[in-house]
Amino acid sequence: MKKFMCLFLVCTFIFVLGGCGNEVPEYAEDISIITLARPKNMLGLEDIIYKFEAEHTDIQVKIVDMPEEEEERHGTCVSALSGGDSSVDIYMISEGWIDEFADREYLLPVDQYFLMNKEIYMKQAIDMFKSRRDRLYALPFSFNMDCLYYRKDIIKEIPATWEDVFRLIKANQSETIYGIDIPNEVGSEMIYTIKEMETAFDGDLERVLSTYKNILDFNYQKKNIQNPFIYTFKDGKALFLYADSSFWSNLNDDASAVKGKVGVVPVPEATNGGKKSGLLGGYGLGINRRSKHVPQAVAFLQFVDQYANRKAVSQIYGYFPVMQALYEDESVLIFNPHFRNFPGLIDNLKLREEMGGYVYEMSHTMQVLDQFFSDKESLQDTLQQLQKF
């Protein structure tokens, strides 16, 4: 089934690319068209493209949307790149793919084409997009980490621990507003959340799985919640949301019932002063080795790398910056005051790619967890299977 879905996604992907080419006016013979593939929830690139095309009248940039879910997006990229497809020039990739994509020669090393002032970047941003050969294979675009969003119009205390979260849920939950919205489908998002909770709970995976299942059973079954993950909180029907940092702009758009009512803090610890449980990921822009428009793709990456452009997308869309100065820029902080809390935290987070075990046995882990959360496998049998990795 997964192979069929990947094939379907790749076919859809190529069909959409064909549609993009048809939009080019006939008189634009001297215009180079470069295509950028990004997760469909990653907004903001349109703003950069508009400014880029105004300055580079001989280049146009077309966007192709990819799946939001990491496993599907990875499969789509690998299927296209392994087949030598050249129709996408720039891919927005996740940090955990770098060594694989470098070893298989899917991408060009970007530091071969233009010099970056690495000193102005946060060290983690450079490290996560370097291959084991010490070459930079993607321009860091933003950090990606899980956060705890909360209704600051209802929750007056800033929660720091899981004990705080459950206590505040008990005090503020009602028949129309339930507790915490977390990933409710087995996939990479759920696996990362479980791994972070395991760190917070001092490695007690049994407690984590029991707690997670209780949250899902109460919030999604007994309450008969039909909304997909995230949108229950966005519709004003949850007190908390455990989700990655890229959803900040989504929660504050004009369609959101909680626009202007959202607070955000790092993911909870087990106890005050406990372990930092978050995992740090990121998005980067890599150039397809088969691209027929490498100079144009390089020009676009150089444009993205300008401070003013990075500042604009962080201001408006809330992307966690990869440049240190943006965490101190008051014109950014006025829109994203929660950024003040994160630079010190980022220094203490482990990179997702450093976490071994079941995080990177995704396919097997998903099967095991699916059996557990659908009540087809006991907790003890589930623990035994996960402990193999």
Protein backbone atom coordinates (compact mmCIF):
# COMPACT_ATOMS: atom_id res chain seq x y z
CA MET A 1 0.00 0.00 0.00
CA LYS A 2 2.83 2.41 0.91
CA LYS A 3 4.56 1.67 -2.42
CA PHE A 4 1.31 2.39 -4.25
CA MET A 5 0.91 5.67 -2.37
CA CYS A 6 4.48 6.74 -3.18
CA LEU A 7 3.91 5.93 -6.87
CA PHE A 8 0.65 7.87 -6.81
CA LEU A 9 2.34 10.88 -5.17
CA VAL A 10 5.22 10.85 -7.66
CA CYS A 11 2.80 10.66 -10.62
CA THR A 12 0.78 13.53 -9.17
CA PHE A 13 4.02 15.42 -8.53
CA ILE A 14 5.14 15.10 -12.16
CA PHE A 15 1.65 15.94 -13.46
CA VAL A 16 1.64 19.17 -11.45
CA LEU A 17 5.07 20.05 -12.78
CA GLY A 18 3.77 19.64 -16.30
CA GLY A 19 0.94 22.00 -15.45
CA CYS A 20 3.39 24.58 -14.15
CA GLY A 21 5.25 24.58 -17.48
CA ASN A 22 2.04 25.31 -19.38
CA GLU A 23 1.55 28.55 -17.46
CA VAL A 24 4.63 30.18 -19.01
CA PRO A 25 3.62 32.83 -21.56
CA GLU A 26 4.74 32.26 -25.13
CA TYR A 27 6.70 35.49 -25.30
CA ALA A 28 8.94 34.48 -22.37
CA GLU A 29 11.55 32.64 -24.45
CA ASP A 30 14.46 34.31 -22.66
CA ILE A 31 13.11 33.61 -19.19
CA SER A 32 14.54 30.69 -17.24
CA ILE A 33 11.98 28.77 -15.20
CA ILE A 34 13.22 27.09 -12.01
CA THR A 35 10.99 24.86 -9.92
CA LEU A 36 11.04 24.62 -6.15
CA ALA A 37 9.40 21.72 -4.27
CA ARG A 38 8.39 22.44 -0.68
CA PRO A 39 6.04 20.95 1.96
CA LYS A 40 2.64 22.46 1.29
CA ASN A 41 2.41 23.89 4.82
CA MET A 42 5.67 25.86 4.43
CA LEU A 43 4.36 29.26 3.40
CA GLY A 44 6.40 32.41 2.96
CA LEU A 45 8.54 31.44 0.01
CA GLU A 46 5.98 33.14 -2.23
CA ASP A 47 6.96 36.49 -0.70
CA ILE A 48 10.64 35.89 -1.36
CA ILE A 49 9.94 34.71 -4.90
CA TYR A 50 7.93 37.87 -5.67
CA LYS A 51 10.87 40.06 -4.65
CA PHE A 52 13.41 37.80 -6.37
CA GLU A 53 11.57 37.91 -9.69
CA ALA A 54 11.32 41.71 -9.45
CA GLU A 55 15.13 41.88 -9.25
CA HIS A 56 15.83 39.00 -11.65
CA THR A 57 13.50 39.62 -14.56
CA ASP A 58 15.06 36.77 -16.55
CA ILE A 59 14.18 34.11 -13.95
CA GLN A 60 10.82 32.83 -12.75
CA VAL A 61 10.32 30.46 -9.83
CA LYS A 62 7.47 27.96 -9.73
CA ILE A 63 6.42 26.21 -6.54
CA VAL A 64 5.29 22.59 -6.35
CA ASP A 65 3.65 21.41 -3.13
CA MET A 66 4.77 18.16 -1.53
CA PRO A 67 3.12 16.21 1.31
CA GLU A 68 3.43 17.63 4.81
CA GLU A 69 4.10 14.22 6.40
CA GLU A 70 7.84 13.56 6.41
CA GLU A 71 7.77 9.92 5.32
CA GLU A 72 5.56 10.63 2.31
CA ARG A 73 7.64 13.65 1.36
CA HIS A 74 10.87 11.67 1.64
CA GLY A 75 9.46 8.89 -0.55
CA THR A 76 8.32 11.40 -3.17
CA CYS A 77 11.75 13.04 -3.31
CA VAL A 78 13.69 9.77 -3.45
CA SER A 79 11.45 8.35 -6.19
CA ALA A 80 12.03 11.42 -8.36
CA LEU A 81 15.73 11.89 -7.63
CA SER A 82 16.69 8.22 -7.93
CA GLY A 83 15.06 8.18 -11.36
CA GLY A 84 17.21 11.08 -12.53
CA ASP A 85 14.31 13.53 -12.73
CA SER A 86 15.48 17.06 -13.51
CA SER A 87 12.14 18.88 -13.48
CA VAL A 88 12.62 20.13 -9.91
CA ASP A 89 15.67 22.35 -9.43
CA ILE A 90 15.44 23.05 -5.69
CA TYR A 91 14.11 20.77 -2.98
CA MET A 92 13.20 21.82 0.54
CA ILE A 93 14.47 18.88 2.55
CA SER A 94 14.62 17.76 6.17
CA GLU A 95 17.93 17.59 8.00
CA GLY A 96 17.84 13.82 8.48
CA TRP A 97 18.13 13.16 4.75
CA ILE A 98 21.50 14.84 4.19
CA ASP A 99 23.88 11.88 4.39
CA GLU A 100 21.56 9.70 2.29
CA PHE A 101 21.13 12.36 -0.40
CA ALA A 102 24.84 13.20 -0.41
CA ASP A 103 25.95 9.55 -0.62
CA ARG A 104 23.53 8.90 -3.49
CA GLU A 105 24.63 12.10 -5.22
CA TYR A 106 21.13 13.53 -5.43
CA LEU A 107 22.22 17.07 -4.50
CA LEU A 108 25.03 19.48 -5.29
CA PRO A 109 27.13 20.79 -2.38
CA VAL A 110 25.95 24.39 -2.10
CA ASP A 111 29.23 25.57 -0.55
CA GLN A 112 30.86 24.71 -3.88
CA TYR A 113 28.87 27.48 -5.59
CA PHE A 114 28.81 30.40 -3.19
CA LEU A 115 30.51 31.41 0.01
CA MET A 116 28.41 31.74 3.13
CA ASN A 117 29.37 33.64 6.23
CA LYS A 118 28.90 30.68 8.55
CA GLU A 119 29.81 32.79 11.57
CA ILE A 120 26.43 34.52 11.53
CA TYR A 121 24.56 31.22 11.64
CA MET A 122 23.76 29.25 14.73
CA LYS A 123 26.16 26.31 14.80
CA GLN A 124 23.38 23.71 14.81
CA ALA A 125 22.00 25.06 11.52
CA ILE A 126 25.29 24.41 9.74
CA ASP A 127 25.93 21.06 11.44
CA MET A 128 22.57 19.55 10.50
CA PHE A 129 23.02 20.19 6.78
CA LYS A 130 26.61 18.99 6.53
CA SER A 131 27.30 15.52 5.23
CA ARG A 132 29.80 13.18 6.86
CA ARG A 133 32.19 14.42 4.17
CA ASP A 134 31.96 17.87 5.78
CA ARG A 135 30.26 19.48 2.80
CA LEU A 136 27.14 21.62 3.09
CA TYR A 137 24.41 20.08 0.94
CA ALA A 138 21.56 22.48 1.69
CA LEU A 139 21.17 26.12 2.59
CA PRO A 140 19.66 26.18 6.10
CA PHE A 141 16.22 27.78 5.90
CA SER A 142 14.70 27.39 9.37
CA PHE A 143 14.81 25.32 12.50
CA ASN A 144 11.98 22.93 13.13
CA MET A 145 11.11 21.74 16.63
CA ASP A 146 8.07 20.79 18.58
CA CYS A 147 6.48 23.44 20.79
CA LEU A 148 3.61 23.59 23.24
CA TYR A 149 0.96 26.04 22.07
CA TYR A 150 -1.65 27.15 24.58
CA ARG A 151 -4.69 29.39 24.84
CA LYS A 152 -3.23 32.40 26.58
CA ASP A 153 -6.71 33.95 26.88
CA ILE A 154 -7.73 30.99 29.09
CA ILE A 155 -4.46 29.68 30.55
CA LYS A 156 -2.92 32.44 32.65
CA GLU A 157 -0.02 30.35 33.96
CA ILE A 158 2.84 29.49 31.64
CA PRO A 159 3.21 25.69 31.78
CA ALA A 160 6.71 24.26 32.04
CA THR A 161 6.13 20.61 32.95
CA TRP A 162 3.74 17.82 32.05
CA GLU A 163 2.40 18.06 35.59
CA ASP A 164 1.51 21.71 34.87
CA VAL A 165 -0.23 20.73 31.63
CA PHE A 166 -2.40 18.02 33.17
CA ARG A 167 -3.25 20.20 36.18
CA LEU A 168 -4.30 23.10 33.95
CA ILE A 169 -6.35 20.78 31.77
CA LYS A 170 -8.21 19.52 34.80
CA ALA A 171 -8.91 23.07 35.98
CA ASN A 172 -10.01 24.50 32.61
CA GLN A 173 -11.42 21.70 30.51
CA SER A 174 -15.12 21.72 29.64
CA GLU A 175 -17.54 19.79 27.48
CA THR A 176 -16.73 21.98 24.49
CA ILE A 177 -13.02 22.59 25.07
CA TYR A 178 -10.90 19.53 25.75
CA GLY A 179 -7.30 19.16 26.86
CA ILE A 180 -4.35 18.69 24.56
CA ASP A 181 -4.26 18.17 20.81
CA ILE A 182 -1.35 15.89 19.82
CA PRO A 183 -0.52 13.87 16.69
CA ASN A 184 -3.35 11.33 16.51
CA GLU A 185 -2.22 9.29 13.51
CA VAL A 186 0.74 6.92 13.55
CA GLY A 187 3.55 8.59 11.60
CA SER A 188 6.84 10.41 12.03
CA GLU A 189 5.22 13.29 13.96
CA MET A 190 3.84 10.87 16.54
CA ILE A 191 7.15 9.02 16.82
CA TYR A 192 9.09 12.23 17.47
CA THR A 193 6.52 13.27 20.09
CA ILE A 194 6.79 9.91 21.85
CA LYS A 195 10.59 10.14 21.81
CA GLU A 196 10.49 13.61 23.34
CA MET A 197 8.05 12.48 26.02
CA GLU A 198 10.30 9.50 26.77
CA THR A 199 13.19 11.89 27.42
CA ALA A 200 10.99 14.05 29.64
CA PHE A 201 9.82 10.98 31.59
CA ASP A 202 13.39 9.77 32.23
CA GLY A 203 13.20 6.93 29.73
CA ASP A 204 9.99 5.44 31.09
CA LEU A 205 8.49 4.36 27.77
CA GLU A 206 5.74 2.38 29.48
CA ARG A 207 4.48 5.54 31.17
CA VAL A 208 4.76 7.48 27.92
CA LEU A 209 2.70 5.04 25.88
CA SER A 210 0.06 4.73 28.60
CA THR A 211 -0.20 8.52 28.88
CA TYR A 212 -0.31 8.99 25.12
CA LYS A 213 -3.03 6.39 24.67
CA ASN A 214 -5.12 7.92 27.46
CA ILE A 215 -4.88 11.32 25.74
CA LEU A 216 -5.97 9.87 22.41
CA ASP A 217 -8.78 7.80 23.89
CA PHE A 218 -10.19 10.72 25.83
CA ASN A 219 -9.75 13.49 23.30
CA TYR A 220 -10.46 11.71 20.04
CA GLN A 221 -12.82 8.86 20.85
CA LYS A 222 -14.90 9.70 23.89
CA LYS A 223 -15.28 13.29 22.72
CA ASN A 224 -15.99 12.18 19.14
CA ILE A 225 -13.63 14.80 17.78
CA GLN A 226 -13.70 14.62 13.98
CA ASN A 227 -11.24 17.41 13.17
CA PRO A 228 -7.77 16.38 12.01
CA PHE A 229 -4.76 17.04 14.21
CA ILE A 230 -4.05 20.76 14.76
CA TYR A 231 -7.38 22.03 13.48
CA THR A 232 -9.19 21.15 16.69
CA PHE A 233 -6.96 23.65 18.49
CA LYS A 234 -7.19 26.11 15.61
CA ASP A 235 -11.00 25.95 15.80
CA GLY A 236 -10.86 26.94 19.47
CA LYS A 237 -11.76 23.53 20.87
CA ALA A 238 -8.57 22.66 22.76
CA LEU A 239 -6.49 24.23 25.52
CA PHE A 240 -3.12 22.97 24.31
CA LEU A 241 -1.48 21.86 21.09
CA TYR A 242 1.73 19.84 20.86
CA ALA A 243 3.01 20.53 17.33
CA ASP A 244 6.05 21.71 15.44
CA SER A 245 7.10 25.31 15.13
CA SER A 246 6.07 25.66 11.50
CA PHE A 247 2.38 25.92 12.47
CA TRP A 248 2.66 29.32 14.20
CA SER A 249 1.54 31.26 11.12
CA ASN A 250 -1.24 28.76 10.42
CA LEU A 251 -2.68 29.26 13.92
CA ASN A 252 -2.65 33.03 13.48
CA ASP A 253 -4.13 33.38 10.02
CA ASP A 254 -7.51 34.99 9.36
CA ALA A 255 -9.30 31.63 9.34
CA SER A 256 -8.16 30.78 12.86
CA ALA A 257 -10.57 31.03 15.79
CA VAL A 258 -7.57 31.51 18.09
CA LYS A 259 -5.76 34.24 16.15
CA GLY A 260 -4.00 36.50 18.66
CA LYS A 261 -4.87 34.13 21.54
CA VAL A 262 -1.97 31.70 21.18
CA GLY A 263 0.99 31.43 23.51
CA VAL A 264 3.93 29.16 22.77
CA VAL A 265 6.61 27.67 25.01
CA PRO A 266 9.17 24.84 24.72
CA VAL A 267 7.81 21.32 25.02
CA PRO A 268 7.16 20.27 28.63
CA GLU A 269 9.76 18.79 30.94
CA ALA A 270 8.99 16.02 33.42
CA THR A 271 9.56 18.26 36.45
CA ASN A 272 10.86 21.78 37.03
CA GLY A 273 14.54 21.84 36.18
CA GLY A 274 14.21 18.48 34.43
CA LYS A 275 15.72 17.28 31.19
CA LYS A 276 15.26 19.27 28.01
CA SER A 277 13.17 16.86 26.01
CA GLY A 278 12.84 18.57 22.64
CA LEU A 279 14.54 17.38 19.47
CA LEU A 280 15.90 19.88 16.96
CA GLY A 281 15.27 19.51 13.25
CA GLY A 282 15.35 21.85 10.32
CA TYR A 283 14.49 22.63 6.74
CA GLY A 284 17.06 23.38 4.09
CA LEU A 285 17.12 24.19 0.38
CA GLY A 286 19.15 21.79 -1.76
CA ILE A 287 19.92 21.93 -5.49
CA ASN A 288 19.12 18.88 -7.60
CA ARG A 289 22.35 17.53 -9.14
CA ARG A 290 20.39 16.95 -12.36
CA SER A 291 19.09 20.50 -12.52
CA LYS A 292 19.42 22.20 -15.89
CA HIS A 293 19.33 25.63 -14.22
CA VAL A 294 22.10 25.48 -11.64
CA PRO A 295 23.24 29.15 -11.97
CA GLN A 296 19.65 30.34 -11.58
CA ALA A 297 19.07 28.04 -8.62
CA VAL A 298 22.26 29.32 -6.98
CA ALA A 299 21.11 32.91 -7.54
CA PHE A 300 17.83 32.14 -5.79
CA LEU A 301 19.57 30.55 -2.79
CA GLN A 302 21.87 33.57 -2.51
CA PHE A 303 18.80 35.79 -2.51
CA VAL A 304 17.08 33.72 0.20
CA ASP A 305 20.24 34.03 2.28
CA GLN A 306 20.00 37.81 2.51
CA TYR A 307 19.28 39.02 6.02
CA ALA A 308 16.30 41.14 4.97
CA ASN A 309 14.57 38.16 3.36
CA ARG A 310 15.18 35.84 6.29
CA LYS A 311 13.95 38.57 8.60
CA ALA A 312 10.72 39.01 6.63
CA VAL A 313 9.71 35.33 6.71
CA SER A 314 10.54 35.04 10.40
CA GLN A 315 8.52 38.17 11.18
CA ILE A 316 5.44 37.18 9.23
CA TYR A 317 5.46 33.39 9.31
CA GLY A 318 7.17 32.71 12.62
CA TYR A 319 9.90 30.43 11.32
CA PHE A 320 12.58 29.81 13.92
CA PRO A 321 15.63 31.62 12.52
CA VAL A 322 18.93 29.99 11.71
CA MET A 323 20.77 33.32 12.08
CA GLN A 324 21.59 34.37 15.64
CA ALA A 325 20.96 38.09 15.08
CA LEU A 326 17.28 37.51 14.27
CA TYR A 327 16.66 36.36 17.84
CA GLU A 328 17.81 39.79 18.98
CA ASP A 329 16.08 41.87 16.31
CA GLU A 330 13.27 43.82 17.99
CA SER A 331 11.36 44.17 14.73
CA VAL A 332 11.17 40.36 14.63
CA LEU A 333 10.48 39.91 18.34
CA ILE A 334 7.51 42.28 18.29
CA PHE A 335 5.69 39.72 16.11
CA ASN A 336 7.24 36.67 17.75
CA PRO A 337 7.92 37.46 21.42
CA HIS A 338 8.34 33.75 22.19
CA PHE A 339 11.62 33.76 20.25
CA ARG A 340 13.30 35.27 23.31
CA ASN A 341 12.96 31.95 25.14
CA PHE A 342 14.54 29.73 22.54
CA PRO A 343 18.22 30.57 21.70
CA GLY A 344 19.50 29.13 24.99
CA LEU A 345 17.20 26.15 24.64
CA ILE A 346 18.40 25.38 21.11
CA ASP A 347 21.97 25.07 22.39
CA ASN A 348 20.86 22.23 24.68
CA LEU A 349 18.70 20.25 22.25
CA LYS A 350 19.82 17.09 20.50
CA LEU A 351 19.54 16.99 16.75
CA ARG A 352 16.88 14.59 15.53
CA GLU A 353 19.43 12.85 13.35
CA GLU A 354 21.49 11.97 16.45
CA MET A 355 18.66 10.01 18.04
CA GLY A 356 19.04 6.30 17.33
CA GLY A 357 16.71 3.43 18.11
CA TYR A 358 13.15 3.35 17.00
CA VAL A 359 13.11 6.94 15.69
CA TYR A 360 14.97 5.77 12.58
CA GLU A 361 13.23 2.41 12.32
CA MET A 362 10.19 4.36 11.18
CA SER A 363 8.46 1.70 9.14
CA HIS A 364 8.72 -1.01 11.79
CA THR A 365 7.88 1.39 14.61
CA MET A 366 4.77 2.63 12.82
CA GLN A 367 3.50 -0.93 12.46
CA VAL A 368 4.09 -1.67 16.15
CA LEU A 369 2.46 1.54 17.35
CA ASP A 370 -0.49 1.13 15.01
CA GLN A 371 -1.21 -2.26 16.57
CA PHE A 372 -1.02 -0.77 20.07
CA PHE A 373 -3.16 2.31 19.50
CA SER A 374 -5.80 0.29 17.66
CA ASP A 375 -6.05 -2.08 20.68
CA LYS A 376 -4.65 -5.05 18.74
CA GLU A 377 -1.49 -5.39 20.84
CA SER A 378 -0.88 -5.20 24.57
CA LEU A 379 1.33 -2.59 26.18
CA GLN A 380 3.86 -5.18 27.33
CA ASP A 381 4.17 -6.81 23.90
CA THR A 382 4.54 -3.37 22.33
CA LEU A 383 7.35 -2.46 24.72
CA GLN A 384 9.17 -5.71 23.97
CA GLN A 385 9.05 -5.07 20.24
CA LEU A 386 10.22 -1.47 20.55
CA GLN A 387 13.09 -2.40 22.87
CA LYS A 388 14.71 -4.35 20.04
CA PHE A 389 15.79 -1.05 18.47
